[in-house]
Amino acid sequence: MDVLKIATAGSVDDGKSTLIGRLLYDTKSLTTDKLEAIKNKSEQLGYDYLDFSLATDGLVAEREQGITIDVAHIYFSTQNRSYIIADTPGHIEYTRNMVTGASTSQASIILIDARKGVIEQTYRHFFINNLLRVKDIIVAINKMDLVDFSEEVFNAIKSEFETLIANSDYKEQNITFIPVSALNGDNVATKSEHTQWYNGQTILEHLEQLKSEDIYNIGTPRFPVQYVIRPKTKDFHDFRGYSGKVYGGDLSVGDKVVVLPSQKESTIKEIFFYDENYETASRRSSVTITLADDVNVSRGDMIVKVDDLPTINKQCNAIISWMDTEPLREGSKYIIQHGVNKVLTKVGSIEHRILPDFSGVDTEASSLNLNDIALVNFKFNKPLYYDAFKAHRTNGSFIIIDNKTNNTVGAGFIQ
């Protein structure tokens, strides 16, 4: 079954957790004991309604404060597909959590409180979605019940948000505006009787009709080798297979390929999934392949088609989200984890810090603090084989590791 990853975003108290809880409830994805716990807790808090945010706020601090702090991943399914929702926090100080949640998502739901309209965090969250090339955005104008389901309020917020679209890389057909009341379920999974003026889909209907070609970058296969299989048993004495996951496109038996970094050419001889043979390994499938020639291949190498090579270089420019309390400074040394590969790297220069309200850049920055976003030049101790993030999300991204503490301190998106 197809799996769609969704990120949620919005300021504090815009109703992200409530919306997700409502989706779980309306798709009958809440277990009986979970639903009973929500009912009991809602009664203890004196509510005359079910507080669906209790379905997602997992940390004790989150339940006590009624806010989201960590990134929670929630799973549910319909008859058409499965979903993974990254419920990300709304506070400015948790921007890095928003980046983490959205970095692997194909769609995003940005919530706006109908009473407040577009605010600073709306700019920031839309900017991050634009940065991470999340292809499909739902702008859920929430709490419409508190503005009497006013079409005028909805249109005013929509008009204000459209000025952001003009400054982004999005086209209007990739942005969908939906008036909702997450608390009451209006236009979440079922059409609302209170918005007769709205002729569009509900949130769930929109998610259900998204097609893979609309939300994935498809066409450039990359196969990073995670493990070399040499059984050396009697039946498989000469077997040499290369295991990994196919990203970006399909690989088939007979494809002419190049092994990086050696740049030795060969042809795909066989494709295995467990003990079954396949003619084609589709995008996102984990397989073992064999080659027609005896080529030296090791963990961390990459197999690509001969006419579709990535960039091979010892440096790159990348937009990074800094996630550590210790600042990043020019000349600092780190480890970059790019797929299976780890390379030593040096910060060549901080080109500029990016202001996430679409107002421009700061060219005077010489260091980066927690939650800063910037364009940075990195120099590696050996060549990496990468793509631009906008063309290939997997092969165009990496994480930054502090070589002293072994902590993940940043995420990078290659330009």
Protein backbone atom coordinates (compact mmCIF):
# COMPACT_ATOMS: atom_id res chain seq x y z
CA MET A 1 0.00 0.00 0.00
CA ASP A 2 1.23 3.50 -0.86
CA VAL A 3 2.54 5.51 2.13
CA LEU A 4 2.23 9.30 2.30
CA LYS A 5 4.29 11.28 4.81
CA ILE A 6 2.73 14.53 6.00
CA ALA A 7 4.17 17.30 8.15
CA THR A 8 2.00 19.63 10.18
CA ALA A 9 2.97 23.20 11.02
CA GLY A 10 1.42 26.13 12.78
CA SER A 11 1.86 28.48 15.68
CA VAL A 12 1.13 27.56 19.29
CA ASP A 13 -2.56 26.75 19.88
CA ASP A 14 -3.45 26.78 16.18
CA GLY A 15 -4.82 23.26 16.64
CA LYS A 16 -2.29 20.92 15.01
CA SER A 17 -2.63 18.12 17.54
CA THR A 18 -6.41 18.52 17.60
CA LEU A 19 -6.55 18.24 13.80
CA ILE A 20 -4.49 15.06 13.82
CA GLY A 21 -6.56 13.59 16.62
CA ARG A 22 -9.71 14.37 14.65
CA LEU A 23 -8.26 12.64 11.56
CA LEU A 24 -7.49 9.58 13.67
CA TYR A 25 -10.99 9.61 15.12
CA ASP A 26 -12.79 10.12 11.80
CA THR A 27 -10.79 7.34 10.11
CA LYS A 28 -11.49 5.01 13.07
CA SER A 29 -7.77 4.76 13.81
CA LEU A 30 -8.05 5.28 17.57
CA THR A 31 -8.17 2.12 19.66
CA THR A 32 -11.04 1.70 22.10
CA ASP A 33 -8.80 2.13 25.14
CA LYS A 34 -7.17 5.24 23.66
CA LEU A 35 -10.56 6.77 22.93
CA GLU A 36 -11.74 5.94 26.44
CA ALA A 37 -8.61 7.57 27.90
CA ILE A 38 -9.25 10.73 25.87
CA LYS A 39 -12.86 10.81 27.05
CA ASN A 40 -11.89 10.38 30.71
CA LYS A 41 -9.12 12.97 30.57
CA SER A 42 -11.39 15.47 28.81
CA GLU A 43 -13.97 15.03 31.58
CA GLN A 44 -11.28 15.50 34.26
CA LEU A 45 -10.27 18.77 32.61
CA GLY A 46 -13.89 19.92 32.67
CA TYR A 47 -14.41 19.90 28.90
CA ASP A 48 -17.82 19.23 27.38
CA TYR A 49 -16.11 17.86 24.27
CA LEU A 50 -13.42 15.30 23.41
CA ASP A 51 -9.96 16.90 23.43
CA PHE A 52 -8.42 15.10 20.47
CA SER A 53 -5.02 16.76 21.03
CA LEU A 54 -4.56 14.22 23.83
CA ALA A 55 -4.20 11.56 21.12
CA THR A 56 -0.85 12.96 19.98
CA ASP A 57 0.85 14.95 22.77
CA GLY A 58 3.02 12.15 24.12
CA LEU A 59 5.43 13.89 26.47
CA VAL A 60 4.32 14.65 30.02
CA ALA A 61 5.29 18.31 29.52
CA GLU A 62 3.16 18.42 26.37
CA ARG A 63 0.08 17.08 28.12
CA GLU A 64 0.55 19.41 31.07
CA GLN A 65 1.05 22.53 28.96
CA GLY A 66 -1.22 21.61 26.07
CA ILE A 67 1.56 22.21 23.53
CA THR A 68 3.75 20.13 21.22
CA ILE A 69 7.49 20.07 21.99
CA ASP A 70 8.97 17.01 20.29
CA VAL A 71 8.19 15.67 16.81
CA ALA A 72 5.55 12.96 17.17
CA HIS A 73 5.01 10.49 14.33
CA ILE A 74 1.45 9.25 14.06
CA TYR A 75 0.28 6.41 11.82
CA PHE A 76 -3.12 5.76 10.33
CA SER A 77 -4.60 4.15 7.23
CA THR A 78 -7.59 4.33 4.93
CA GLN A 79 -8.63 1.88 2.23
CA ASN A 80 -6.54 3.84 -0.31
CA ARG A 81 -3.22 4.43 1.45
CA SER A 82 -1.29 4.60 4.71
CA TYR A 83 -0.21 7.85 6.32
CA ILE A 84 2.60 8.96 8.60
CA ILE A 85 2.06 12.40 10.14
CA ALA A 86 4.91 14.36 11.70
CA ASP A 87 3.29 16.54 14.36
CA THR A 88 5.86 19.33 14.76
CA PRO A 89 6.02 22.03 17.45
CA GLY A 90 4.97 25.63 16.79
CA HIS A 91 7.39 27.56 19.00
CA ILE A 92 10.19 29.53 17.30
CA GLU A 93 12.77 27.86 19.55
CA TYR A 94 11.79 24.45 18.11
CA THR A 95 12.36 25.43 14.46
CA ARG A 96 14.90 22.61 14.13
CA ASN A 97 12.17 20.12 15.05
CA MET A 98 10.01 21.53 12.26
CA VAL A 99 12.88 21.02 9.80
CA THR A 100 13.35 17.45 11.01
CA GLY A 101 9.67 16.62 10.61
CA ALA A 102 9.28 18.18 7.17
CA SER A 103 12.55 16.95 5.66
CA THR A 104 11.13 13.56 4.65
CA SER A 105 7.52 14.61 4.02
CA GLN A 106 5.79 14.74 0.66
CA ALA A 107 2.91 16.94 1.79
CA SER A 108 2.36 19.49 4.52
CA ILE A 109 -0.56 20.98 6.42
CA ILE A 110 -0.01 24.55 7.63
CA LEU A 111 -2.62 25.63 10.16
CA ILE A 112 -3.70 29.22 10.64
CA ASP A 113 -5.96 30.39 13.45
CA ALA A 114 -8.87 32.15 11.71
CA ARG A 115 -8.95 34.75 14.50
CA LYS A 116 -5.26 35.68 14.11
CA GLY A 117 -4.61 35.27 10.39
CA VAL A 118 -1.10 35.12 8.93
CA ILE A 119 1.53 35.69 11.65
CA GLU A 120 5.32 35.45 11.96
CA GLN A 121 5.33 31.68 12.42
CA THR A 122 3.22 31.28 9.27
CA TYR A 123 6.03 32.93 7.30
CA ARG A 124 8.62 30.73 8.98
CA HIS A 125 6.75 27.46 8.44
CA PHE A 126 5.94 28.24 4.81
CA PHE A 127 9.59 29.20 4.25
CA ILE A 128 10.77 25.85 5.66
CA ASN A 129 8.35 23.95 3.42
CA ASN A 130 9.64 25.93 0.45
CA LEU A 131 13.25 25.25 1.48
CA LEU A 132 12.61 21.51 1.85
CA ARG A 133 10.71 21.28 -1.46
CA VAL A 134 7.60 19.77 0.10
CA LYS A 135 5.51 19.49 -3.04
CA ASP A 136 1.92 19.80 -1.82
CA ILE A 137 0.72 22.28 0.80
CA ILE A 138 -2.68 22.40 2.50
CA VAL A 139 -3.35 25.71 4.22
CA ALA A 140 -5.96 24.77 6.83
CA ILE A 141 -7.64 27.90 8.14
CA ASN A 142 -8.73 26.49 11.48
CA LYS A 143 -11.17 27.50 14.21
CA MET A 144 -13.66 28.76 11.66
CA ASP A 145 -16.38 28.06 14.24
CA LEU A 146 -14.97 30.95 16.30
CA VAL A 147 -15.48 33.42 13.44
CA ASP A 148 -18.98 32.17 12.57
CA PHE A 149 -17.63 30.33 9.49
CA SER A 150 -17.18 33.70 7.79
CA GLU A 151 -16.34 33.49 4.08
CA GLU A 152 -14.96 37.05 4.28
CA VAL A 153 -12.46 36.06 7.00
CA PHE A 154 -11.41 32.99 5.01
CA ASN A 155 -10.88 35.01 1.81
CA ALA A 156 -8.94 37.73 3.62
CA ILE A 157 -6.50 35.20 5.10
CA LYS A 158 -6.21 33.42 1.75
CA SER A 159 -5.41 36.71 0.00
CA GLU A 160 -2.74 37.56 2.58
CA PHE A 161 -1.15 34.11 2.25
CA GLU A 162 -1.06 34.41 -1.54
CA THR A 163 1.47 37.24 -1.19
CA LEU A 164 3.82 34.65 0.34
CA ILE A 165 3.32 32.31 -2.59
CA ALA A 166 4.49 35.05 -4.96
CA ASN A 167 7.86 35.15 -3.11
CA SER A 168 8.30 31.37 -3.11
CA ASP A 169 9.05 28.61 -5.61
CA TYR A 170 5.49 27.29 -5.42
CA LYS A 171 2.83 27.47 -8.06
CA GLU A 172 -0.71 28.19 -6.94
CA GLN A 173 -1.92 24.75 -8.01
CA ASN A 174 0.31 23.21 -5.31
CA ILE A 175 -1.37 25.22 -2.53
CA THR A 176 -4.87 24.29 -1.34
CA PHE A 177 -6.88 26.44 1.09
CA ILE A 178 -9.47 24.67 3.25
CA PRO A 179 -11.70 26.21 5.96
CA VAL A 180 -11.87 23.83 8.94
CA SER A 181 -12.88 23.42 12.53
CA ALA A 182 -10.64 20.64 13.79
CA LEU A 183 -12.46 20.49 17.11
CA ASN A 184 -15.84 19.79 15.49
CA GLY A 185 -14.58 17.99 12.38
CA ASP A 186 -15.77 20.53 9.79
CA ASN A 187 -14.06 19.81 6.43
CA VAL A 188 -11.51 17.49 8.06
CA ALA A 189 -12.85 14.14 6.84
CA THR A 190 -16.43 15.14 6.06
CA LYS A 191 -17.94 18.19 4.35
CA SER A 192 -19.23 20.89 6.65
CA GLU A 193 -22.79 22.14 6.56
CA HIS A 194 -21.52 25.47 7.88
CA THR A 195 -19.43 26.31 4.79
CA GLN A 196 -21.94 26.13 1.97
CA TRP A 197 -19.84 28.78 0.20
CA TYR A 198 -16.84 26.40 0.01
CA ASN A 199 -16.93 23.96 -2.92
CA GLY A 200 -13.55 22.28 -2.45
CA GLN A 201 -12.44 19.01 -0.89
CA THR A 202 -12.00 18.11 2.75
CA ILE A 203 -8.47 17.62 4.05
CA LEU A 204 -8.75 13.83 3.89
CA GLU A 205 -10.26 13.91 0.40
CA HIS A 206 -7.37 16.02 -0.83
CA LEU A 207 -4.76 13.71 0.71
CA GLU A 208 -6.49 10.64 -0.72
CA GLN A 209 -6.38 11.92 -4.30
CA LEU A 210 -2.71 12.97 -4.33
CA LYS A 211 -0.76 10.98 -6.93
CA SER A 212 2.82 9.81 -6.53
CA GLU A 213 3.99 11.80 -9.55
CA ASP A 214 2.60 14.94 -7.89
CA ILE A 215 4.60 14.57 -4.68
CA TYR A 216 7.83 12.69 -5.50
CA ASN A 217 10.87 13.53 -7.59
CA ILE A 218 10.90 10.57 -9.95
CA GLY A 219 13.35 9.67 -12.70
CA THR A 220 16.93 9.68 -11.34
CA PRO A 221 17.80 6.31 -9.74
CA ARG A 222 20.49 6.22 -7.07
CA PHE A 223 21.56 3.00 -5.34
CA PRO A 224 23.88 3.55 -2.35
CA VAL A 225 25.40 0.23 -1.33
CA GLN A 226 24.77 -0.55 2.32
CA TYR A 227 26.11 -4.08 2.46
CA VAL A 228 28.10 -6.49 0.29
CA ILE A 229 26.76 -10.05 0.49
CA ARG A 230 29.30 -12.90 0.16
CA PRO A 231 27.69 -16.11 1.57
CA LYS A 232 30.61 -18.39 0.57
CA THR A 233 28.37 -21.40 1.06
CA LYS A 234 28.44 -24.49 -1.14
CA ASP A 235 25.44 -23.37 -3.16
CA PHE A 236 26.50 -19.71 -3.38
CA HIS A 237 30.28 -19.95 -3.28
CA ASP A 238 30.85 -17.28 -5.95
CA PHE A 239 27.84 -15.10 -5.17
CA ARG A 240 28.55 -11.38 -4.75
CA GLY A 241 25.50 -9.18 -4.21
CA TYR A 242 25.07 -5.55 -3.28
CA SER A 243 22.24 -4.63 -0.94
CA GLY A 244 20.61 -1.24 -0.51
CA LYS A 245 17.57 0.88 -1.23
CA VAL A 246 16.69 2.36 -4.61
CA TYR A 247 16.04 6.11 -4.50
CA GLY A 248 14.61 8.44 -7.11
CA GLY A 249 13.76 6.03 -9.93
CA ASP A 250 13.76 2.40 -11.11
CA LEU A 251 16.63 0.02 -11.88
CA SER A 252 16.17 -2.96 -14.19
CA VAL A 253 18.07 -6.05 -15.29
CA GLY A 254 20.17 -5.10 -18.32
CA ASP A 255 20.69 -1.46 -17.27
CA LYS A 256 24.22 -0.22 -17.93
CA VAL A 257 25.55 1.23 -14.69
CA VAL A 258 28.59 2.96 -13.19
CA VAL A 259 30.01 2.26 -9.75
CA LEU A 260 31.12 5.38 -7.86
CA PRO A 261 33.73 6.43 -6.93
CA SER A 262 35.75 3.92 -9.02
CA GLN A 263 33.69 4.80 -12.16
CA LYS A 264 33.90 1.18 -13.33
CA GLU A 265 31.09 0.26 -15.72
CA SER A 266 29.01 -2.91 -15.74
CA THR A 267 25.47 -4.18 -16.32
CA ILE A 268 22.84 -5.23 -13.82
CA LYS A 269 22.66 -9.00 -14.03
CA GLU A 270 20.05 -9.93 -11.40
CA ILE A 271 17.78 -8.28 -8.85
CA PHE A 272 16.77 -10.18 -5.70
CA PHE A 273 14.27 -9.53 -2.95
CA TYR A 274 14.95 -12.28 -0.43
CA ASP A 275 14.95 -15.42 -2.61
CA GLU A 276 12.80 -14.01 -5.43
CA ASN A 277 14.09 -12.63 -8.72
CA TYR A 278 12.73 -9.40 -10.23
CA GLU A 279 13.23 -7.71 -13.55
CA THR A 280 12.87 -4.23 -12.06
CA ALA A 281 13.59 -2.69 -8.67
CA SER A 282 11.15 0.16 -8.21
CA ARG A 283 11.83 3.41 -6.40
CA ARG A 284 12.02 3.01 -2.58
CA SER A 285 12.42 -0.79 -2.74
CA SER A 286 15.15 -2.53 -0.74
CA VAL A 287 16.87 -5.16 -2.89
CA THR A 288 20.09 -6.99 -3.63
CA ILE A 289 21.57 -6.65 -7.12
CA THR A 290 24.39 -8.47 -8.89
CA LEU A 291 26.54 -7.17 -11.71
CA ALA A 292 27.66 -8.91 -14.89
CA ASP A 293 31.31 -8.01 -14.30
CA ASP A 294 33.65 -8.66 -11.40
CA VAL A 295 33.81 -5.08 -10.16
CA ASN A 296 35.15 -4.05 -6.76
CA VAL A 297 32.21 -2.58 -4.81
CA SER A 298 32.23 -1.64 -1.13
CA ARG A 299 29.81 -0.27 1.44
CA GLY A 300 29.31 3.44 0.76
CA ASP A 301 29.78 3.12 -3.01
CA MET A 302 26.91 4.18 -5.26
CA ILE A 303 25.55 2.47 -8.37
CA VAL A 304 23.96 4.77 -10.98
CA LYS A 305 23.05 4.58 -14.65
CA VAL A 306 25.88 5.42 -17.04
CA ASP A 307 24.05 8.34 -18.64
CA ASP A 308 22.81 9.87 -15.39
CA LEU A 309 25.77 10.66 -13.14
CA PRO A 310 25.53 12.83 -10.03
CA THR A 311 27.99 15.63 -9.26
CA ILE A 312 31.33 14.32 -8.00
CA ASN A 313 33.17 16.98 -6.02
CA LYS A 314 35.20 17.70 -2.88
CA GLN A 315 33.08 20.71 -1.97
CA CYS A 316 29.51 21.96 -2.14
CA ASN A 317 27.24 24.82 -1.16
CA ALA A 318 24.31 23.81 1.03
CA ILE A 319 21.55 25.50 2.95
CA ILE A 320 21.81 24.25 6.49
CA SER A 321 19.57 24.32 9.52
CA TRP A 322 21.77 24.62 12.60
CA MET A 323 20.51 22.49 15.51
CA ASP A 324 23.13 22.88 18.22
CA THR A 325 23.62 25.32 21.10
CA GLU A 326 27.31 25.51 20.21
CA PRO A 327 27.61 27.95 17.28
CA LEU A 328 28.91 26.95 13.84
CA ARG A 329 31.89 29.07 12.82
CA GLU A 330 33.92 29.41 9.65
CA GLY A 331 36.90 27.06 9.69
CA SER A 332 35.23 24.56 12.05
CA LYS A 333 35.57 20.86 11.28
CA TYR A 334 32.76 18.31 11.35
CA ILE A 335 31.75 14.93 9.97
CA ILE A 336 29.14 14.89 7.23
CA GLN A 337 26.94 11.82 6.91
CA HIS A 338 25.72 11.66 3.32
CA GLY A 339 23.65 8.53 2.92
CA VAL A 340 25.93 5.65 3.89
CA ASN A 341 29.08 7.75 3.51
CA LYS A 342 30.84 9.70 6.24
CA VAL A 343 33.44 12.32 5.30
CA LEU A 344 35.51 14.81 7.25
CA THR A 345 34.57 18.35 6.32
CA LYS A 346 35.62 21.92 6.98
CA VAL A 347 33.34 24.95 6.92
CA GLY A 348 34.83 27.01 4.09
CA SER A 349 32.60 30.05 4.49
CA ILE A 350 29.19 31.19 5.64
CA GLU A 351 27.86 32.83 2.48
CA HIS A 352 24.84 34.39 4.20
CA ARG A 353 22.24 33.78 6.87
CA ILE A 354 18.72 33.48 5.51
CA LEU A 355 15.86 35.41 7.12
CA PRO A 356 12.91 32.99 7.18
CA ASP A 357 10.28 35.67 6.64
CA PHE A 358 11.26 36.03 2.96
CA SER A 359 12.74 39.48 3.73
CA GLY A 360 16.25 38.72 2.48
CA VAL A 361 19.65 37.59 3.80
CA ASP A 362 22.30 38.71 6.29
CA THR A 363 25.65 38.75 4.51
CA GLU A 364 27.61 39.77 7.62
CA ALA A 365 27.09 36.52 9.57
CA SER A 366 30.34 34.86 10.68
CA SER A 367 28.71 32.24 12.90
CA LEU A 368 25.38 30.44 13.21
CA ASN A 369 23.35 29.93 16.36
CA LEU A 370 20.64 27.42 17.27
CA ASN A 371 17.77 27.41 14.70
CA ASP A 372 19.63 29.65 12.22
CA ILE A 373 19.29 28.83 8.51
CA ALA A 374 22.14 29.78 6.18
CA LEU A 375 23.95 29.08 2.91
CA VAL A 376 27.31 27.53 3.77
CA ASN A 377 30.27 26.29 1.74
CA PHE A 378 31.74 22.94 2.82
CA LYS A 379 35.06 21.36 1.81
CA PHE A 380 35.47 17.56 2.06
CA ASN A 381 38.54 15.38 2.55
CA LYS A 382 37.38 13.11 -0.28
CA PRO A 383 34.87 13.44 -3.16
CA LEU A 384 31.16 13.04 -2.55
CA TYR A 385 28.69 12.06 -5.27
CA TYR A 386 25.59 14.15 -4.78
CA ASP A 387 22.67 15.87 -6.51
CA ALA A 388 21.03 19.20 -5.85
CA PHE A 389 18.30 18.81 -3.22
CA LYS A 390 15.66 20.26 -5.55
CA ALA A 391 16.36 17.45 -8.03
CA HIS A 392 16.90 14.57 -5.60
CA ARG A 393 15.84 14.93 -1.97
CA THR A 394 17.68 11.85 -0.70
CA ASN A 395 20.99 12.27 -2.52
CA GLY A 396 20.89 16.04 -2.05
CA SER A 397 20.77 16.09 1.74
CA PHE A 398 23.05 15.23 4.64
CA ILE A 399 23.44 15.60 8.39
CA ILE A 400 26.32 17.29 10.21
CA ILE A 401 27.94 15.48 13.15
CA ASP A 402 30.19 17.01 15.81
CA ASN A 403 33.32 14.86 15.73
CA LYS A 404 33.97 15.48 19.44
CA THR A 405 30.55 14.71 20.91
CA ASN A 406 29.14 12.59 18.06
CA ASN A 407 25.94 14.67 18.28
CA THR A 408 23.94 15.56 15.19
CA VAL A 409 24.28 19.35 15.05
CA GLY A 410 22.76 20.29 11.68
CA ALA A 411 21.02 19.24 8.49
CA GLY A 412 22.11 20.30 5.01
CA PHE A 413 20.35 20.66 1.67
CA ILE A 414 22.71 20.84 -1.29
CA GLN A 415 22.18 23.63 -3.81
